[in-house]
């Protein structure tokens, strides 16, 4: 599937290869990619949520995709919060 969100999705794989990586050890460029990724996933989530809300019948696969997007949003937001928290603490 070709998506306007493809750039950040591909880049995210490089930034977050090691999920356990210390949030403060990522470079500023990697954090920008992470922020763009969050916004891309958020846009996809809103698109799917809108379809879910207005369509009479929703396939189980669509429900699973919506759930996975929400989980990815939560995970990515947590990573961003760690970076922001570190900036406030001077790390």
C-alpha atoms as a PDB file:
ATOM      1  CA  UNK A   1       0.000   0.000   0.000  1.00  0.00           C
ATOM      2  CA  UNK A   2       1.399   3.381  -0.991  1.00  0.00           C
ATOM      3  CA  UNK A   3       0.544   6.015   1.561  1.00  0.00           C
ATOM      4  CA  UNK A   4       1.408   9.668   2.061  1.00  0.00           C
ATOM      5  CA  UNK A   5       2.473   8.509   5.507  1.00  0.00           C
ATOM      6  CA  UNK A   6       4.998   6.042   4.117  1.00  0.00           C
ATOM      7  CA  UNK A   7       8.076   8.214   4.593  1.00  0.00           C
ATOM      8  CA  UNK A   8       7.826   8.429   8.361  1.00  0.00           C
ATOM      9  CA  UNK A   9       6.679   4.851   8.725  1.00  0.00           C
ATOM     10  CA  UNK A  10       9.835   3.688   6.950  1.00  0.00           C
ATOM     11  CA  UNK A  11      12.029   6.118   8.869  1.00  0.00           C
ATOM     12  CA  UNK A  12      10.526   5.053  12.182  1.00  0.00           C
ATOM     13  CA  UNK A  13      11.884   1.555  11.698  1.00  0.00           C
ATOM     14  CA  UNK A  14      15.392   2.976  11.746  1.00  0.00           C
ATOM     15  CA  UNK A  15      14.779   5.236  14.732  1.00  0.00           C
ATOM     16  CA  UNK A  16      13.123   2.670  16.958  1.00  0.00           C
ATOM     17  CA  UNK A  17      14.892  -0.545  16.022  1.00  0.00           C
ATOM     18  CA  UNK A  18      15.627  -1.106  19.686  1.00  0.00           C
ATOM     19  CA  UNK A  19      12.453  -0.263  21.620  1.00  0.00           C
ATOM     20  CA  UNK A  20      14.381  -0.444  24.873  1.00  0.00           C
ATOM     21  CA  UNK A  21      16.817   2.244  23.750  1.00  0.00           C
ATOM     22  CA  UNK A  22      17.224   5.152  26.137  1.00  0.00           C
ATOM     23  CA  UNK A  23      15.001   7.986  24.911  1.00  0.00           C
ATOM     24  CA  UNK A  24      17.708  10.508  25.691  1.00  0.00           C
ATOM     25  CA  UNK A  25      20.260   8.797  23.474  1.00  0.00           C
ATOM     26  CA  UNK A  26      18.277   9.511  20.289  1.00  0.00           C
ATOM     27  CA  UNK A  27      19.500  12.410  18.189  1.00  0.00           C
ATOM     28  CA  UNK A  28      17.403  15.517  17.574  1.00  0.00           C
ATOM     29  CA  UNK A  29      16.826  14.348  13.987  1.00  0.00           C
ATOM     30  CA  UNK A  30      15.555  10.997  15.223  1.00  0.00           C
ATOM     31  CA  UNK A  31      13.200  12.749  17.633  1.00  0.00           C
ATOM     32  CA  UNK A  32      11.844  14.873  14.772  1.00  0.00           C
ATOM     33  CA  UNK A  33      11.187  11.698  12.789  1.00  0.00           C
ATOM     34  CA  UNK A  34       9.422  10.250  15.815  1.00  0.00           C
ATOM     35  CA  UNK A  35       7.217  13.361  16.086  1.00  0.00           C
ATOM     36  CA  UNK A  36       6.359  13.212  12.381  1.00  0.00           C
ATOM     37  CA  UNK A  37       5.578   9.525  12.747  1.00  0.00           C
ATOM     38  CA  UNK A  38       3.197  10.278  15.623  1.00  0.00           C
ATOM     39  CA  UNK A  39       1.371  12.875  13.529  1.00  0.00           C
ATOM     40  CA  UNK A  40       1.160  10.504  10.548  1.00  0.00           C
ATOM     41  CA  UNK A  41      -0.241   7.669  12.660  1.00  0.00           C
ATOM     42  CA  UNK A  42      -2.657  10.129  14.299  1.00  0.00           C
ATOM     43  CA  UNK A  43      -3.954  11.191  10.850  1.00  0.00           C
ATOM     44  CA  UNK A  44      -4.412   7.552   9.813  1.00  0.00           C
ATOM     45  CA  UNK A  45      -6.167   6.807  13.109  1.00  0.00           C
ATOM     46  CA  UNK A  46      -8.598   9.713  12.653  1.00  0.00           C
ATOM     47  CA  UNK A  47      -9.332   8.607   9.094  1.00  0.00           C
ATOM     48  CA  UNK A  48     -10.110   5.054  10.203  1.00  0.00           C
ATOM     49  CA  UNK A  49     -12.063   6.251  13.233  1.00  0.00           C
ATOM     50  CA  UNK A  50     -14.224   8.448  11.010  1.00  0.00           C
ATOM     51  CA  UNK A  51     -14.944   5.542   8.691  1.00  0.00           C
ATOM     52  CA  UNK A  52     -15.702   3.327  11.691  1.00  0.00           C
ATOM     53  CA  UNK A  53     -18.159   5.904  13.060  1.00  0.00           C
ATOM     54  CA  UNK A  54     -20.110   6.466   9.837  1.00  0.00           C
ATOM     55  CA  UNK A  55     -20.171   3.044   8.181  1.00  0.00           C
ATOM     56  CA  UNK A  56     -23.064   0.744   8.978  1.00  0.00           C
ATOM     57  CA  UNK A  57     -21.017  -2.447   8.804  1.00  0.00           C
ATOM     58  CA  UNK A  58     -17.432  -2.651   9.977  1.00  0.00           C
ATOM     59  CA  UNK A  59     -15.279  -5.678   9.216  1.00  0.00           C
ATOM     60  CA  UNK A  60     -13.378  -7.321  12.054  1.00  0.00           C
ATOM     61  CA  UNK A  61     -10.102  -6.551  10.271  1.00  0.00           C
ATOM     62  CA  UNK A  62     -10.966  -2.834  10.282  1.00  0.00           C
ATOM     63  CA  UNK A  63     -11.640  -2.993  14.016  1.00  0.00           C
ATOM     64  CA  UNK A  64      -8.285  -4.689  14.590  1.00  0.00           C
ATOM     65  CA  UNK A  65      -6.469  -2.081  12.482  1.00  0.00           C
ATOM     66  CA  UNK A  66      -8.106   0.731  14.440  1.00  0.00           C
ATOM     67  CA  UNK A  67      -7.051  -0.907  17.698  1.00  0.00           C
ATOM     68  CA  UNK A  68      -3.467  -1.387  16.487  1.00  0.00           C
ATOM     69  CA  UNK A  69      -3.243   2.244  15.383  1.00  0.00           C
ATOM     70  CA  UNK A  70      -4.426   3.398  18.804  1.00  0.00           C
ATOM     71  CA  UNK A  71      -1.865   1.153  20.505  1.00  0.00           C
ATOM     72  CA  UNK A  72       0.877   2.543  18.262  1.00  0.00           C
ATOM     73  CA  UNK A  73      -0.216   6.096  19.082  1.00  0.00           C
ATOM     74  CA  UNK A  74      -0.001   5.372  22.799  1.00  0.00           C
ATOM     75  CA  UNK A  75       3.420   3.739  22.486  1.00  0.00           C
ATOM     76  CA  UNK A  76       4.827   6.544  20.350  1.00  0.00           C
ATOM     77  CA  UNK A  77       3.366   9.247  22.588  1.00  0.00           C
ATOM     78  CA  UNK A  78       4.999   7.587  25.598  1.00  0.00           C
ATOM     79  CA  UNK A  79       8.364   7.718  23.831  1.00  0.00           C
ATOM     80  CA  UNK A  80       7.833  11.393  23.029  1.00  0.00           C
ATOM     81  CA  UNK A  81       6.856  12.150  26.624  1.00  0.00           C
ATOM     82  CA  UNK A  82      10.096  10.559  27.802  1.00  0.00           C
ATOM     83  CA  UNK A  83      12.077  12.868  25.524  1.00  0.00           C
ATOM     84  CA  UNK A  84      10.091  15.937  26.649  1.00  0.00           C
ATOM     85  CA  UNK A  85      10.448  14.967  30.310  1.00  0.00           C
ATOM     86  CA  UNK A  86      14.212  14.618  29.849  1.00  0.00           C
ATOM     87  CA  UNK A  87      14.412  18.052  28.228  1.00  0.00           C
ATOM     88  CA  UNK A  88      12.622  19.616  31.194  1.00  0.00           C
ATOM     89  CA  UNK A  89      14.925  17.822  33.622  1.00  0.00           C
ATOM     90  CA  UNK A  90      18.004  18.932  31.697  1.00  0.00           C
ATOM     91  CA  UNK A  91      19.110  15.484  30.508  1.00  0.00           C
END
